[in-house]
Amino acid sequence: MAPSLVVYCRRNGGKGNRLGITVSNKIGNAVTRNRIRRRLREIYRLNEGRFIKGIDLVVVARTRSAAAEYAKLSKDFFSACAALGVLAGNEAGE
């Protein structure tokens, strides 16, 4: 099954990380889009220490993310991050 989101990353030359989240109007109404944003921000906030420092992450939500549960979003986010090699110790998330 295809993931519910895509993650892009790039070094930012700084000491901290930055997170950007995009959710298209095609995904749903404002309530749905904001719920997805809130969930993704919380997933990152709770696990911020697991990432290497000095990167910019851009998360692009796909249509499947509207119906995805929190655990599925978290799993897809960490799978994508592990594939990019931005997790400290390159650990796969749950």
PDB file of N, CA and C in Angstrom:
ATOM      1  N   MET A   1       0.837  -1.183   0.000  1.00  0.00           N
ATOM      2  CA  MET A   1       0.000   0.000   0.000  1.00  0.00           C
ATOM      3  C   MET A   1       0.883   1.249   0.000  1.00  0.00           C
ATOM      4  N   ALA A   2       0.477   2.246  -0.723  1.00  0.00           N
ATOM      5  CA  ALA A   2       1.255   3.487  -0.829  1.00  0.00           C
ATOM      6  C   ALA A   2       1.201   4.266   0.489  1.00  0.00           C
ATOM      7  N   PRO A   3       2.251   4.995   0.788  1.00  0.00           N
ATOM      8  CA  PRO A   3       2.271   5.775   2.033  1.00  0.00           C
ATOM      9  C   PRO A   3       1.295   6.943   1.986  1.00  0.00           C
ATOM     10  N   SER A   4       0.945   7.452   3.169  1.00  0.00           N
ATOM     11  CA  SER A   4      -0.003   8.557   3.263  1.00  0.00           C
ATOM     12  C   SER A   4       0.690   9.914   3.195  1.00  0.00           C
ATOM     13  N   LEU A   5       2.020   9.905   3.120  1.00  0.00           N
ATOM     14  CA  LEU A   5       2.749  11.167   3.046  1.00  0.00           C
ATOM     15  C   LEU A   5       4.116  10.957   2.432  1.00  0.00           C
ATOM     16  N   VAL A   6       4.738  12.072   2.046  1.00  0.00           N
ATOM     17  CA  VAL A   6       6.079  12.059   1.472  1.00  0.00           C
ATOM     18  C   VAL A   6       6.912  13.059   2.258  1.00  0.00           C
ATOM     19  N   VAL A   7       8.177  12.731   2.511  1.00  0.00           N
ATOM     20  CA  VAL A   7       9.057  13.624   3.264  1.00  0.00           C
ATOM     21  C   VAL A   7      10.262  13.976   2.405  1.00  0.00           C
ATOM     22  N   TYR A   8      10.577  15.264   2.350  1.00  0.00           N
ATOM     23  CA  TYR A   8      11.774  15.759   1.690  1.00  0.00           C
ATOM     24  C   TYR A   8      12.670  16.369   2.758  1.00  0.00           C
ATOM     25  N   CYS A   9      13.968  16.254   2.589  1.00  0.00           N
ATOM     26  CA  CYS A   9      14.856  16.867   3.574  1.00  0.00           C
ATOM     27  C   CYS A   9      16.070  17.468   2.897  1.00  0.00           C
ATOM     28  N   ARG A  10      16.668  18.421   3.625  1.00  0.00           N
ATOM     29  CA  ARG A  10      17.864  19.097   3.140  1.00  0.00           C
ATOM     30  C   ARG A  10      18.592  19.690   4.335  1.00  0.00           C
ATOM     31  N   ARG A  11      19.890  19.677   4.306  1.00  0.00           N
ATOM     32  CA  ARG A  11      20.672  20.308   5.376  1.00  0.00           C
ATOM     33  C   ARG A  11      20.443  21.814   5.324  1.00  0.00           C
ATOM     34  N   ASN A  12      20.332  22.441   6.495  1.00  0.00           N
ATOM     35  CA  ASN A  12      20.077  23.877   6.519  1.00  0.00           C
ATOM     36  C   ASN A  12      21.277  24.690   6.996  1.00  0.00           C
ATOM     37  N   GLY A  13      22.368  24.036   7.375  1.00  0.00           N
ATOM     38  CA  GLY A  13      23.557  24.743   7.800  1.00  0.00           C
ATOM     39  C   GLY A  13      23.455  25.340   9.192  1.00  0.00           C
ATOM     40  N   GLY A  14      22.371  25.075   9.875  1.00  0.00           N
ATOM     41  CA  GLY A  14      22.178  25.594  11.229  1.00  0.00           C
ATOM     42  C   GLY A  14      22.333  24.505  12.259  1.00  0.00           C
ATOM     43  N   LYS A  15      22.031  24.850  13.499  1.00  0.00           N
ATOM     44  CA  LYS A  15      22.133  23.881  14.588  1.00  0.00           C
ATOM     45  C   LYS A  15      20.797  23.242  14.926  1.00  0.00           C
ATOM     46  N   GLY A  16      19.728  23.795  14.420  1.00  0.00           N
ATOM     47  CA  GLY A  16      18.403  23.274  14.725  1.00  0.00           C
ATOM     48  C   GLY A  16      17.710  22.743  13.489  1.00  0.00           C
ATOM     49  N   ASN A  17      16.576  22.134  13.710  1.00  0.00           N
ATOM     50  CA  ASN A  17      15.776  21.594  12.622  1.00  0.00           C
ATOM     51  C   ASN A  17      14.563  22.489  12.385  1.00  0.00           C
ATOM     52  N   ARG A  18      14.064  22.443  11.155  1.00  0.00           N
ATOM     53  CA  ARG A  18      12.834  23.145  10.826  1.00  0.00           C
ATOM     54  C   ARG A  18      11.894  22.163  10.159  1.00  0.00           C
ATOM     55  N   LEU A  19      10.607  22.348  10.402  1.00  0.00           N
ATOM     56  CA  LEU A  19       9.590  21.454   9.868  1.00  0.00           C
ATOM     57  C   LEU A  19       8.592  22.263   9.049  1.00  0.00           C
ATOM     58  N   GLY A  20       8.323  21.795   7.842  1.00  0.00           N
ATOM     59  CA  GLY A  20       7.295  22.390   7.004  1.00  0.00           C
ATOM     60  C   GLY A  20       6.286  21.321   6.640  1.00  0.00           C
ATOM     61  N   ILE A  21       5.015  21.685   6.677  1.00  0.00           N
ATOM     62  CA  ILE A  21       3.950  20.719   6.380  1.00  0.00           C
ATOM     63  C   ILE A  21       3.046  21.328   5.325  1.00  0.00           C
ATOM     64  N   THR A  22       2.797  20.587   4.248  1.00  0.00           N
ATOM     65  CA  THR A  22       1.876  21.047   3.219  1.00  0.00           C
ATOM     66  C   THR A  22       0.740  20.046   3.071  1.00  0.00           C
ATOM     67  N   VAL A  23      -0.460  20.587   3.020  1.00  0.00           N
ATOM     68  CA  VAL A  23      -1.654  19.772   2.839  1.00  0.00           C
ATOM     69  C   VAL A  23      -2.512  20.469   1.782  1.00  0.00           C
ATOM     70  N   SER A  24      -2.713  19.827   0.668  1.00  0.00           N
ATOM     71  CA  SER A  24      -3.425  20.413  -0.463  1.00  0.00           C
ATOM     72  C   SER A  24      -4.918  20.553  -0.192  1.00  0.00           C
ATOM     73  N   ASN A  25      -5.533  21.509  -0.891  1.00  0.00           N
ATOM     74  CA  ASN A  25      -6.989  21.672  -0.814  1.00  0.00           C
ATOM     75  C   ASN A  25      -7.733  20.446  -1.327  1.00  0.00           C
ATOM     76  N   LYS A  26      -7.072  19.636  -2.140  1.00  0.00           N
ATOM     77  CA  LYS A  26      -7.702  18.442  -2.703  1.00  0.00           C
ATOM     78  C   LYS A  26      -7.976  17.386  -1.627  1.00  0.00           C
ATOM     79  N   ILE A  27      -7.307  17.485  -0.506  1.00  0.00           N
ATOM     80  CA  ILE A  27      -7.417  16.453   0.526  1.00  0.00           C
ATOM     81  C   ILE A  27      -8.728  16.555   1.289  1.00  0.00           C
ATOM     82  N   GLY A  28      -9.241  17.745   1.473  1.00  0.00           N
ATOM     83  CA  GLY A  28     -10.498  17.876   2.197  1.00  0.00           C
ATOM     84  C   GLY A  28     -10.748  19.311   2.599  1.00  0.00           C
ATOM     85  N   ASN A  29     -11.721  19.481   3.478  1.00  0.00           N
ATOM     86  CA  ASN A  29     -12.032  20.834   3.926  1.00  0.00           C
ATOM     87  C   ASN A  29     -11.006  21.305   4.957  1.00  0.00           C
ATOM     88  N   ALA A  30     -11.157  22.523   5.448  1.00  0.00           N
ATOM     89  CA  ALA A  30     -10.180  23.123   6.358  1.00  0.00           C
ATOM     90  C   ALA A  30     -10.024  22.315   7.644  1.00  0.00           C
ATOM     91  N   VAL A  31     -11.091  21.777   8.144  1.00  0.00           N
ATOM     92  CA  VAL A  31     -11.030  20.989   9.378  1.00  0.00           C
ATOM     93  C   VAL A  31     -10.155  19.754   9.182  1.00  0.00           C
ATOM     94  N   THR A  32     -10.346  19.072   8.077  1.00  0.00           N
ATOM     95  CA  THR A  32      -9.562  17.873   7.773  1.00  0.00           C
ATOM     96  C   THR A  32      -8.092  18.212   7.576  1.00  0.00           C
ATOM     97  N   ARG A  33      -7.819  19.259   6.821  1.00  0.00           N
ATOM     98  CA  ARG A  33      -6.432  19.651   6.565  1.00  0.00           C
ATOM     99  C   ARG A  33      -5.724  20.063   7.849  1.00  0.00           C
ATOM    100  N   ASN A  34      -6.404  20.820   8.688  1.00  0.00           N
ATOM    101  CA  ASN A  34      -5.796  21.243   9.952  1.00  0.00           C
ATOM    102  C   ASN A  34      -5.576  20.079  10.902  1.00  0.00           C
ATOM    103  N   ARG A  35      -6.469  19.096  10.888  1.00  0.00           N
ATOM    104  CA  ARG A  35      -6.288  17.901  11.728  1.00  0.00           C
ATOM    105  C   ARG A  35      -5.028  17.153  11.306  1.00  0.00           C
ATOM    106  N   ILE A  36      -4.802  17.031  10.015  1.00  0.00           N
ATOM    107  CA  ILE A  36      -3.599  16.371   9.507  1.00  0.00           C
ATOM    108  C   ILE A  36      -2.353  17.144   9.934  1.00  0.00           C
ATOM    109  N   ARG A  37      -2.386  18.469   9.785  1.00  0.00           N
ATOM    110  CA  ARG A  37      -1.250  19.302  10.200  1.00  0.00           C
ATOM    111  C   ARG A  37      -0.954  19.148  11.681  1.00  0.00           C
ATOM    112  N   ARG A  38      -1.990  19.202  12.502  1.00  0.00           N
ATOM    113  CA  ARG A  38      -1.801  19.067  13.956  1.00  0.00           C
ATOM    114  C   ARG A  38      -1.191  17.717  14.311  1.00  0.00           C
ATOM    115  N   ARG A  39      -1.674  16.663  13.685  1.00  0.00           N
ATOM    116  CA  ARG A  39      -1.130  15.329  13.968  1.00  0.00           C
ATOM    117  C   ARG A  39       0.330  15.222  13.568  1.00  0.00           C
ATOM    118  N   LEU A  40       0.679  15.726  12.395  1.00  0.00           N
ATOM    119  CA  LEU A  40       2.062  15.645  11.936  1.00  0.00           C
ATOM    120  C   LEU A  40       2.994  16.485  12.805  1.00  0.00           C
ATOM    121  N   ARG A  41       2.539  17.667  13.205  1.00  0.00           N
ATOM    122  CA  ARG A  41       3.349  18.500  14.106  1.00  0.00           C
ATOM    123  C   ARG A  41       3.579  17.802  15.436  1.00  0.00           C
ATOM    124  N   GLU A  42       2.561  17.143  15.956  1.00  0.00           N
ATOM    125  CA  GLU A  42       2.682  16.446  17.237  1.00  0.00           C
ATOM    126  C   GLU A  42       3.599  15.232  17.122  1.00  0.00           C
ATOM    127  N   ILE A  43       3.521  14.504  16.030  1.00  0.00           N
ATOM    128  CA  ILE A  43       4.421  13.366  15.817  1.00  0.00           C
ATOM    129  C   ILE A  43       5.861  13.853  15.827  1.00  0.00           C
ATOM    130  N   TYR A  44       6.125  14.950  15.138  1.00  0.00           N
ATOM    131  CA  TYR A  44       7.486  15.486  15.115  1.00  0.00           C
ATOM    132  C   TYR A  44       7.894  15.987  16.503  1.00  0.00           C
ATOM    133  N   ARG A  45       7.018  16.736  17.163  1.00  0.00           N
ATOM    134  CA  ARG A  45       7.343  17.326  18.469  1.00  0.00           C
ATOM    135  C   ARG A  45       7.701  16.260  19.497  1.00  0.00           C
ATOM    136  N   LEU A  46       6.946  15.177  19.522  1.00  0.00           N
ATOM    137  CA  LEU A  46       7.193  14.125  20.507  1.00  0.00           C
ATOM    138  C   LEU A  46       8.479  13.353  20.235  1.00  0.00           C
ATOM    139  N   ASN A  47       8.971  13.411  19.005  1.00  0.00           N
ATOM    140  CA  ASN A  47      10.139  12.624  18.616  1.00  0.00           C
ATOM    141  C   ASN A  47      11.283  13.467  18.073  1.00  0.00           C
ATOM    142  N   GLU A  48      11.286  14.742  18.390  1.00  0.00           N
ATOM    143  CA  GLU A  48      12.283  15.662  17.831  1.00  0.00           C
ATOM    144  C   GLU A  48      13.716  15.239  18.146  1.00  0.00           C
ATOM    145  N   GLY A  49      13.933  14.648  19.307  1.00  0.00           N
ATOM    146  CA  GLY A  49      15.275  14.222  19.697  1.00  0.00           C
ATOM    147  C   GLY A  49      15.824  13.059  18.893  1.00  0.00           C
ATOM    148  N   ARG A  50      14.977  12.381  18.140  1.00  0.00           N
ATOM    149  CA  ARG A  50      15.422  11.233  17.347  1.00  0.00           C
ATOM    150  C   ARG A  50      16.069  11.637  16.023  1.00  0.00           C
ATOM    151  N   PHE A  51      15.973  12.920  15.653  1.00  0.00           N
ATOM    152  CA  PHE A  51      16.477  13.385  14.368  1.00  0.00           C
ATOM    153  C   PHE A  51      17.877  13.954  14.507  1.00  0.00           C
ATOM    154  N   ILE A  52      18.662  13.811  13.435  1.00  0.00           N
ATOM    155  CA  ILE A  52      19.961  14.467  13.415  1.00  0.00           C
ATOM    156  C   ILE A  52      19.711  15.974  13.374  1.00  0.00           C
ATOM    157  N   LYS A  53      20.686  16.765  13.774  1.00  0.00           N
ATOM    158  CA  LYS A  53      20.507  18.217  13.850  1.00  0.00           C
ATOM    159  C   LYS A  53      20.925  18.889  12.544  1.00  0.00           C
ATOM    160  N   GLY A  54      20.317  20.024  12.271  1.00  0.00           N
ATOM    161  CA  GLY A  54      20.693  20.820  11.113  1.00  0.00           C
ATOM    162  C   GLY A  54      20.007  20.434   9.822  1.00  0.00           C
ATOM    163  N   ILE A  55      18.730  20.028   9.894  1.00  0.00           N
ATOM    164  CA  ILE A  55      18.014  19.655   8.677  1.00  0.00           C
ATOM    165  C   ILE A  55      16.687  20.398   8.587  1.00  0.00           C
ATOM    166  N   ASP A  56      16.227  20.567   7.375  1.00  0.00           N
ATOM    167  CA  ASP A  56      14.884  21.059   7.090  1.00  0.00           C
ATOM    168  C   ASP A  56      14.075  19.876   6.592  1.00  0.00           C
ATOM    169  N   LEU A  57      12.923  19.656   7.169  1.00  0.00           N
ATOM    170  CA  LEU A  57      12.029  18.589   6.724  1.00  0.00           C
ATOM    171  C   LEU A  57      10.776  19.224   6.138  1.00  0.00           C
ATOM    172  N   VAL A  58      10.355  18.745   4.997  1.00  0.00           N
ATOM    173  CA  VAL A  58       9.094  19.167   4.404  1.00  0.00           C
ATOM    174  C   VAL A  58       8.240  17.921   4.237  1.00  0.00           C
ATOM    175  N   VAL A  59       7.082  17.931   4.866  1.00  0.00           N
ATOM    176  CA  VAL A  59       6.167  16.793   4.812  1.00  0.00           C
ATOM    177  C   VAL A  59       5.011  17.171   3.894  1.00  0.00           C
ATOM    178  N   VAL A  60       4.778  16.351   2.884  1.00  0.00           N
ATOM    179  CA  VAL A  60       3.685  16.575   1.947  1.00  0.00           C
ATOM    180  C   VAL A  60       2.645  15.485   2.185  1.00  0.00           C
ATOM    181  N   ALA A  61       1.487  15.894   2.656  1.00  0.00           N
ATOM    182  CA  ALA A  61       0.411  14.943   2.931  1.00  0.00           C
ATOM    183  C   ALA A  61      -0.246  14.527   1.621  1.00  0.00           C
ATOM    184  N   ARG A  62      -0.524  13.254   1.498  1.00  0.00           N
ATOM    185  CA  ARG A  62      -1.218  12.721   0.327  1.00  0.00           C
ATOM    186  C   ARG A  62      -2.692  12.484   0.681  1.00  0.00           C
ATOM    187  N   THR A  63      -3.489  12.156  -0.309  1.00  0.00           N
ATOM    188  CA  THR A  63      -4.928  11.976  -0.112  1.00  0.00           C
ATOM    189  C   THR A  63      -5.238  10.927   0.947  1.00  0.00           C
ATOM    190  N   ARG A  64      -4.436   9.885   1.027  1.00  0.00           N
ATOM    191  CA  ARG A  64      -4.673   8.824   2.012  1.00  0.00           C
ATOM    192  C   ARG A  64      -4.554   9.310   3.453  1.00  0.00           C
ATOM    193  N   SER A  65      -3.858  10.401   3.672  1.00  0.00           N
ATOM    194  CA  SER A  65      -3.654  10.882   5.038  1.00  0.00           C
ATOM    195  C   SER A  65      -4.945  11.374   5.676  1.00  0.00           C
ATOM    196  N   ALA A  66      -5.938  11.734   4.881  1.00  0.00           N
ATOM    197  CA  ALA A  66      -7.207  12.214   5.435  1.00  0.00           C
ATOM    198  C   ALA A  66      -7.915  11.119   6.229  1.00  0.00           C
ATOM    199  N   ALA A  67      -7.835   9.885   5.765  1.00  0.00           N
ATOM    200  CA  ALA A  67      -8.509   8.780   6.439  1.00  0.00           C
ATOM    201  C   ALA A  67      -7.573   7.988   7.347  1.00  0.00           C
ATOM    202  N   ALA A  68      -6.293   8.322   7.338  1.00  0.00           N
ATOM    203  CA  ALA A  68      -5.313   7.552   8.108  1.00  0.00           C
ATOM    204  C   ALA A  68      -5.422   7.867   9.597  1.00  0.00           C
ATOM    205  N   GLU A  69      -5.224   6.850  10.405  1.00  0.00           N
ATOM    206  CA  GLU A  69      -5.195   7.043  11.846  1.00  0.00           C
ATOM    207  C   GLU A  69      -3.829   7.576  12.255  1.00  0.00           C
ATOM    208  N   TYR A  70      -3.754   8.059  13.484  1.00  0.00           N
ATOM    209  CA  TYR A  70      -2.528   8.651  14.016  1.00  0.00           C
ATOM    210  C   TYR A  70      -1.358   7.675  13.911  1.00  0.00           C
ATOM    211  N   ALA A  71      -1.580   6.420  14.278  1.00  0.00           N
ATOM    212  CA  ALA A  71      -0.514   5.418  14.253  1.00  0.00           C
ATOM    213  C   ALA A  71      -0.003   5.189  12.826  1.00  0.00           C
ATOM    214  N   LYS A  72      -0.884   5.211  11.846  1.00  0.00           N
ATOM    215  CA  LYS A  72      -0.489   5.028  10.450  1.00  0.00           C
ATOM    216  C   LYS A  72       0.339   6.219   9.965  1.00  0.00           C
ATOM    217  N   LEU A  73      -0.094   7.442  10.325  1.00  0.00           N
ATOM    218  CA  LEU A  73       0.684   8.629   9.953  1.00  0.00           C
ATOM    219  C   LEU A  73       2.077   8.574  10.565  1.00  0.00           C
ATOM    220  N   SER A  74       2.145   8.179  11.833  1.00  0.00           N
ATOM    221  CA  SER A  74       3.420   8.089  12.526  1.00  0.00           C
ATOM    222  C   SER A  74       4.329   7.058  11.860  1.00  0.00           C
ATOM    223  N   LYS A  75       3.779   5.901  11.549  1.00  0.00           N
ATOM    224  CA  LYS A  75       4.556   4.842  10.910  1.00  0.00           C
ATOM    225  C   LYS A  75       5.083   5.292   9.546  1.00  0.00           C
ATOM    226  N   ASP A  76       4.222   5.911   8.750  1.00  0.00           N
ATOM    227  CA  ASP A  76       4.636   6.382   7.424  1.00  0.00           C
ATOM    228  C   ASP A  76       5.694   7.482   7.531  1.00  0.00           C
ATOM    229  N   PHE A  77       5.525   8.382   8.514  1.00  0.00           N
ATOM    230  CA  PHE A  77       6.485   9.471   8.701  1.00  0.00           C
ATOM    231  C   PHE A  77       7.866   8.916   9.043  1.00  0.00           C
ATOM    232  N   PHE A  78       7.925   7.978   9.983  1.00  0.00           N
ATOM    233  CA  PHE A  78       9.221   7.452  10.386  1.00  0.00           C
ATOM    234  C   PHE A  78       9.821   6.503   9.355  1.00  0.00           C
ATOM    235  N   SER A  79       8.996   5.838   8.583  1.00  0.00           N
ATOM    236  CA  SER A  79       9.518   5.012   7.485  1.00  0.00           C
ATOM    237  C   SER A  79      10.202   5.893   6.441  1.00  0.00           C
ATOM    238  N   ALA A  80       9.552   7.014   6.111  1.00  0.00           N
ATOM    239  CA  ALA A  80      10.131   7.930   5.136  1.00  0.00           C
ATOM    240  C   ALA A  80      11.409   8.564   5.672  1.00  0.00           C
ATOM    241  N   CYS A  81      11.397   8.944   6.947  1.00  0.00           N
ATOM    242  CA  CYS A  81      12.583   9.568   7.555  1.00  0.00           C
ATOM    243  C   CYS A  81      13.741   8.576   7.647  1.00  0.00           C
ATOM    244  N   ALA A  82      13.443   7.327   7.958  1.00  0.00           N
ATOM    245  CA  ALA A  82      14.483   6.305   8.035  1.00  0.00           C
ATOM    246  C   ALA A  82      15.091   6.073   6.651  1.00  0.00           C
ATOM    247  N   ALA A  83      14.256   6.081   5.618  1.00  0.00           N
ATOM    248  CA  ALA A  83      14.759   5.894   4.260  1.00  0.00           C
ATOM    249  C   ALA A  83      15.672   7.047   3.839  1.00  0.00           C
ATOM    250  N   LEU A  84      15.406   8.240   4.358  1.00  0.00           N
ATOM    251  CA  LEU A  84      16.246   9.402   4.053  1.00  0.00           C
ATOM    252  C   LEU A  84      17.513   9.435   4.897  1.00  0.00           C
ATOM    253  N   GLY A  85      17.538   8.651   5.961  1.00  0.00           N
ATOM    254  CA  GLY A  85      18.703   8.612   6.833  1.00  0.00           C
ATOM    255  C   GLY A  85      18.821   9.815   7.752  1.00  0.00           C
ATOM    256  N   VAL A  86      17.705  10.407   8.139  1.00  0.00           N
ATOM    257  CA  VAL A  86      17.744  11.590   8.996  1.00  0.00           C
ATOM    258  C   VAL A  86      17.479  11.276  10.472  1.00  0.00           C
ATOM    259  N   LEU A  87      17.270  10.009  10.782  1.00  0.00           N
ATOM    260  CA  LEU A  87      17.085   9.632  12.174  1.00  0.00           C
ATOM    261  C   LEU A  87      18.444   9.352  12.806  1.00  0.00           C
ATOM    262  N   ALA A  88      18.638   9.819  14.015  1.00  0.00           N
ATOM    263  CA  ALA A  88      19.894   9.562  14.735  1.00  0.00           C
ATOM    264  C   ALA A  88      20.031   8.074  14.947  1.00  0.00           C
ATOM    265  N   GLY A  89      21.125   7.494  14.513  1.00  0.00           N
ATOM    266  CA  GLY A  89      21.302   6.054  14.602  1.00  0.00           C
ATOM    267  C   GLY A  89      20.548   5.305  13.529  1.00  0.00           C
ATOM    268  N   ASN A  90      19.838   6.060  12.631  1.00  0.00           N
ATOM    269  CA  ASN A  90      19.065   5.495  11.529  1.00  0.00           C
ATOM    270  C   ASN A  90      18.116   4.417  11.991  1.00  0.00           C
ATOM    271  N   GLU A  91      17.391   4.698  13.072  1.00  0.00           N
ATOM    272  CA  GLU A  91      16.432   3.749  13.624  1.00  0.00           C
ATOM    273  C   GLU A  91      15.096   3.871  12.917  1.00  0.00           C
ATOM    274  N   ALA A  92      14.399   2.781  12.750  1.00  0.00           N
ATOM    275  CA  ALA A  92      13.072   2.805  12.142  1.00  0.00           C
ATOM    276  C   ALA A  92      12.046   3.049  13.247  1.00  0.00           C
ATOM    277  N   GLY A  93      11.058   3.879  12.972  1.00  0.00           N
ATOM    278  CA  GLY A  93      10.052   4.221  13.991  1.00  0.00           C
ATOM    279  C   GLY A  93       8.879   3.283  13.981  1.00  0.00           C
ATOM    280  N   GLU A  94       8.007   3.516  14.946  1.00  0.00           N
ATOM    281  CA  GLU A  94       6.784   2.714  15.054  1.00  0.00           C
ATOM    282  C   GLU A  94       5.577   3.545  14.765  1.00  0.00           C
TER     283      GLU A  94
END
